[in-house]
């Protein structure tokens, strides 16, 4: 399956990086986290159902992977996967996804 990181998810990655650097997290740790998230996303090409169903939505095509404190939210649509958001677990998903 083809995996696409849509603009909102890409912006989430930039925001995560910016926030952590502002909190004086080392650049190396931030890079490692971003790389781990990207690696998790790449796994979806072979294993699209690797993530669990997002509890707030109960839709078998809206799923998530957990990486550290972050939720990688994605949708399976036909023969592709769209990563729609990457959010901290403390955030309410209803405030992020419209």
C-alpha atoms as a PDB file:
ATOM      1  CA  UNK A   1       0.000   0.000   0.000  1.00  0.00           C
ATOM      2  CA  UNK A   2       1.068   3.551  -0.637  1.00  0.00           C
ATOM      3  CA  UNK A   3       1.474   5.776   2.427  1.00  0.00           C
ATOM      4  CA  UNK A   4       0.943   9.517   2.196  1.00  0.00           C
ATOM      5  CA  UNK A   5       1.695  12.027   4.929  1.00  0.00           C
ATOM      6  CA  UNK A   6      -0.913  14.741   4.395  1.00  0.00           C
ATOM      7  CA  UNK A   7      -0.174  18.390   5.167  1.00  0.00           C
ATOM      8  CA  UNK A   8      -1.710  18.354   8.666  1.00  0.00           C
ATOM      9  CA  UNK A   9       0.511  15.431   9.734  1.00  0.00           C
ATOM     10  CA  UNK A  10       3.581  17.050   8.187  1.00  0.00           C
ATOM     11  CA  UNK A  11       2.788  20.257  10.084  1.00  0.00           C
ATOM     12  CA  UNK A  12       2.324  18.216  13.270  1.00  0.00           C
ATOM     13  CA  UNK A  13       5.867  16.846  12.882  1.00  0.00           C
ATOM     14  CA  UNK A  14       7.237  20.362  12.441  1.00  0.00           C
ATOM     15  CA  UNK A  15       5.275  21.556  15.495  1.00  0.00           C
ATOM     16  CA  UNK A  16       6.504  18.635  17.623  1.00  0.00           C
ATOM     17  CA  UNK A  17      10.097  19.404  16.651  1.00  0.00           C
ATOM     18  CA  UNK A  18       9.697  23.122  17.326  1.00  0.00           C
ATOM     19  CA  UNK A  19       7.988  22.556  20.703  1.00  0.00           C
ATOM     20  CA  UNK A  20      10.589  20.076  21.948  1.00  0.00           C
ATOM     21  CA  UNK A  21      13.479  22.308  20.916  1.00  0.00           C
ATOM     22  CA  UNK A  22      11.837  25.245  22.734  1.00  0.00           C
ATOM     23  CA  UNK A  23      11.676  23.005  25.821  1.00  0.00           C
ATOM     24  CA  UNK A  24      15.453  22.524  25.501  1.00  0.00           C
ATOM     25  CA  UNK A  25      15.247  18.876  24.489  1.00  0.00           C
ATOM     26  CA  UNK A  26      18.501  18.023  22.731  1.00  0.00           C
ATOM     27  CA  UNK A  27      18.512  18.126  18.953  1.00  0.00           C
ATOM     28  CA  UNK A  28      19.721  14.516  18.854  1.00  0.00           C
ATOM     29  CA  UNK A  29      16.769  13.276  20.928  1.00  0.00           C
ATOM     30  CA  UNK A  30      14.325  15.267  18.804  1.00  0.00           C
ATOM     31  CA  UNK A  31      15.834  13.883  15.573  1.00  0.00           C
ATOM     32  CA  UNK A  32      15.647  10.342  16.957  1.00  0.00           C
ATOM     33  CA  UNK A  33      11.971  10.764  17.876  1.00  0.00           C
ATOM     34  CA  UNK A  34      11.080  12.155  14.442  1.00  0.00           C
ATOM     35  CA  UNK A  35      13.015   9.335  12.753  1.00  0.00           C
ATOM     36  CA  UNK A  36      11.220   6.735  14.899  1.00  0.00           C
ATOM     37  CA  UNK A  37       7.846   8.221  13.955  1.00  0.00           C
ATOM     38  CA  UNK A  38       8.794   8.156  10.265  1.00  0.00           C
ATOM     39  CA  UNK A  39       9.979   4.536  10.571  1.00  0.00           C
ATOM     40  CA  UNK A  40       6.648   3.596  12.163  1.00  0.00           C
ATOM     41  CA  UNK A  41       4.811   5.280   9.290  1.00  0.00           C
ATOM     42  CA  UNK A  42       6.909   3.395   6.716  1.00  0.00           C
ATOM     43  CA  UNK A  43       5.938   0.073   8.341  1.00  0.00           C
ATOM     44  CA  UNK A  44       2.344   0.788   7.325  1.00  0.00           C
ATOM     45  CA  UNK A  45       3.243   0.122   3.673  1.00  0.00           C
ATOM     46  CA  UNK A  46       3.512  -3.595   4.458  1.00  0.00           C
ATOM     47  CA  UNK A  47       1.290  -3.779   7.530  1.00  0.00           C
ATOM     48  CA  UNK A  48      -1.579  -1.282   7.185  1.00  0.00           C
ATOM     49  CA  UNK A  49      -3.557  -2.868  10.012  1.00  0.00           C
ATOM     50  CA  UNK A  50      -0.614  -2.792  12.443  1.00  0.00           C
ATOM     51  CA  UNK A  51      -2.216   0.011  14.432  1.00  0.00           C
ATOM     52  CA  UNK A  52      -5.234  -0.286  16.652  1.00  0.00           C
ATOM     53  CA  UNK A  53      -8.630   1.194  15.889  1.00  0.00           C
ATOM     54  CA  UNK A  54      -8.840   4.743  17.267  1.00  0.00           C
ATOM     55  CA  UNK A  55     -11.157   4.368  20.304  1.00  0.00           C
ATOM     56  CA  UNK A  56     -12.779   7.776  19.817  1.00  0.00           C
ATOM     57  CA  UNK A  57     -13.964   6.833  16.314  1.00  0.00           C
ATOM     58  CA  UNK A  58     -14.540   3.053  16.356  1.00  0.00           C
ATOM     59  CA  UNK A  59     -14.005   2.891  12.592  1.00  0.00           C
ATOM     60  CA  UNK A  60     -11.867  -0.022  11.379  1.00  0.00           C
ATOM     61  CA  UNK A  61     -10.312   2.237   8.748  1.00  0.00           C
ATOM     62  CA  UNK A  62      -9.228   4.972  11.201  1.00  0.00           C
ATOM     63  CA  UNK A  63      -6.298   3.589  13.126  1.00  0.00           C
ATOM     64  CA  UNK A  64      -3.320   4.694  15.200  1.00  0.00           C
ATOM     65  CA  UNK A  65       0.194   3.712  16.071  1.00  0.00           C
ATOM     66  CA  UNK A  66       1.705   4.804  19.362  1.00  0.00           C
ATOM     67  CA  UNK A  67       5.282   6.082  19.456  1.00  0.00           C
ATOM     68  CA  UNK A  68       6.333   7.266  22.900  1.00  0.00           C
ATOM     69  CA  UNK A  69       3.849   9.957  23.915  1.00  0.00           C
ATOM     70  CA  UNK A  70       2.543  10.436  20.378  1.00  0.00           C
ATOM     71  CA  UNK A  71      -0.388   9.016  18.444  1.00  0.00           C
ATOM     72  CA  UNK A  72       0.097   8.553  14.709  1.00  0.00           C
ATOM     73  CA  UNK A  73      -3.448   8.732  13.339  1.00  0.00           C
ATOM     74  CA  UNK A  74      -4.065   7.316   9.876  1.00  0.00           C
ATOM     75  CA  UNK A  75      -6.876   6.294   7.544  1.00  0.00           C
ATOM     76  CA  UNK A  76      -6.945   3.334   5.213  1.00  0.00           C
ATOM     77  CA  UNK A  77      -8.677   4.314   1.970  1.00  0.00           C
ATOM     78  CA  UNK A  78      -8.750   1.767  -0.839  1.00  0.00           C
ATOM     79  CA  UNK A  79      -5.160   0.986  -1.780  1.00  0.00           C
ATOM     80  CA  UNK A  80      -3.568   3.849   0.146  1.00  0.00           C
ATOM     81  CA  UNK A  81      -2.960   5.049   3.674  1.00  0.00           C
ATOM     82  CA  UNK A  82      -3.198   8.697   4.657  1.00  0.00           C
ATOM     83  CA  UNK A  83      -1.441   9.768   7.845  1.00  0.00           C
ATOM     84  CA  UNK A  84      -3.716  12.572   9.001  1.00  0.00           C
ATOM     85  CA  UNK A  85      -2.302  13.674  12.368  1.00  0.00           C
ATOM     86  CA  UNK A  86       0.501  13.056  14.820  1.00  0.00           C
ATOM     87  CA  UNK A  87      -0.551  14.264  18.256  1.00  0.00           C
ATOM     88  CA  UNK A  88       0.588  14.066  21.856  1.00  0.00           C
ATOM     89  CA  UNK A  89      -1.476  11.582  23.849  1.00  0.00           C
ATOM     90  CA  UNK A  90      -2.422  14.273  26.375  1.00  0.00           C
ATOM     91  CA  UNK A  91      -4.334  16.220  23.707  1.00  0.00           C
ATOM     92  CA  UNK A  92      -7.995  15.533  23.103  1.00  0.00           C
ATOM     93  CA  UNK A  93      -8.369  14.137  19.632  1.00  0.00           C
ATOM     94  CA  UNK A  94     -11.682  15.941  19.199  1.00  0.00           C
ATOM     95  CA  UNK A  95      -9.772  19.239  19.475  1.00  0.00           C
ATOM     96  CA  UNK A  96      -7.397  18.188  16.703  1.00  0.00           C
ATOM     97  CA  UNK A  97      -9.508  16.377  14.116  1.00  0.00           C
ATOM     98  CA  UNK A  98     -12.413  18.336  12.699  1.00  0.00           C
END
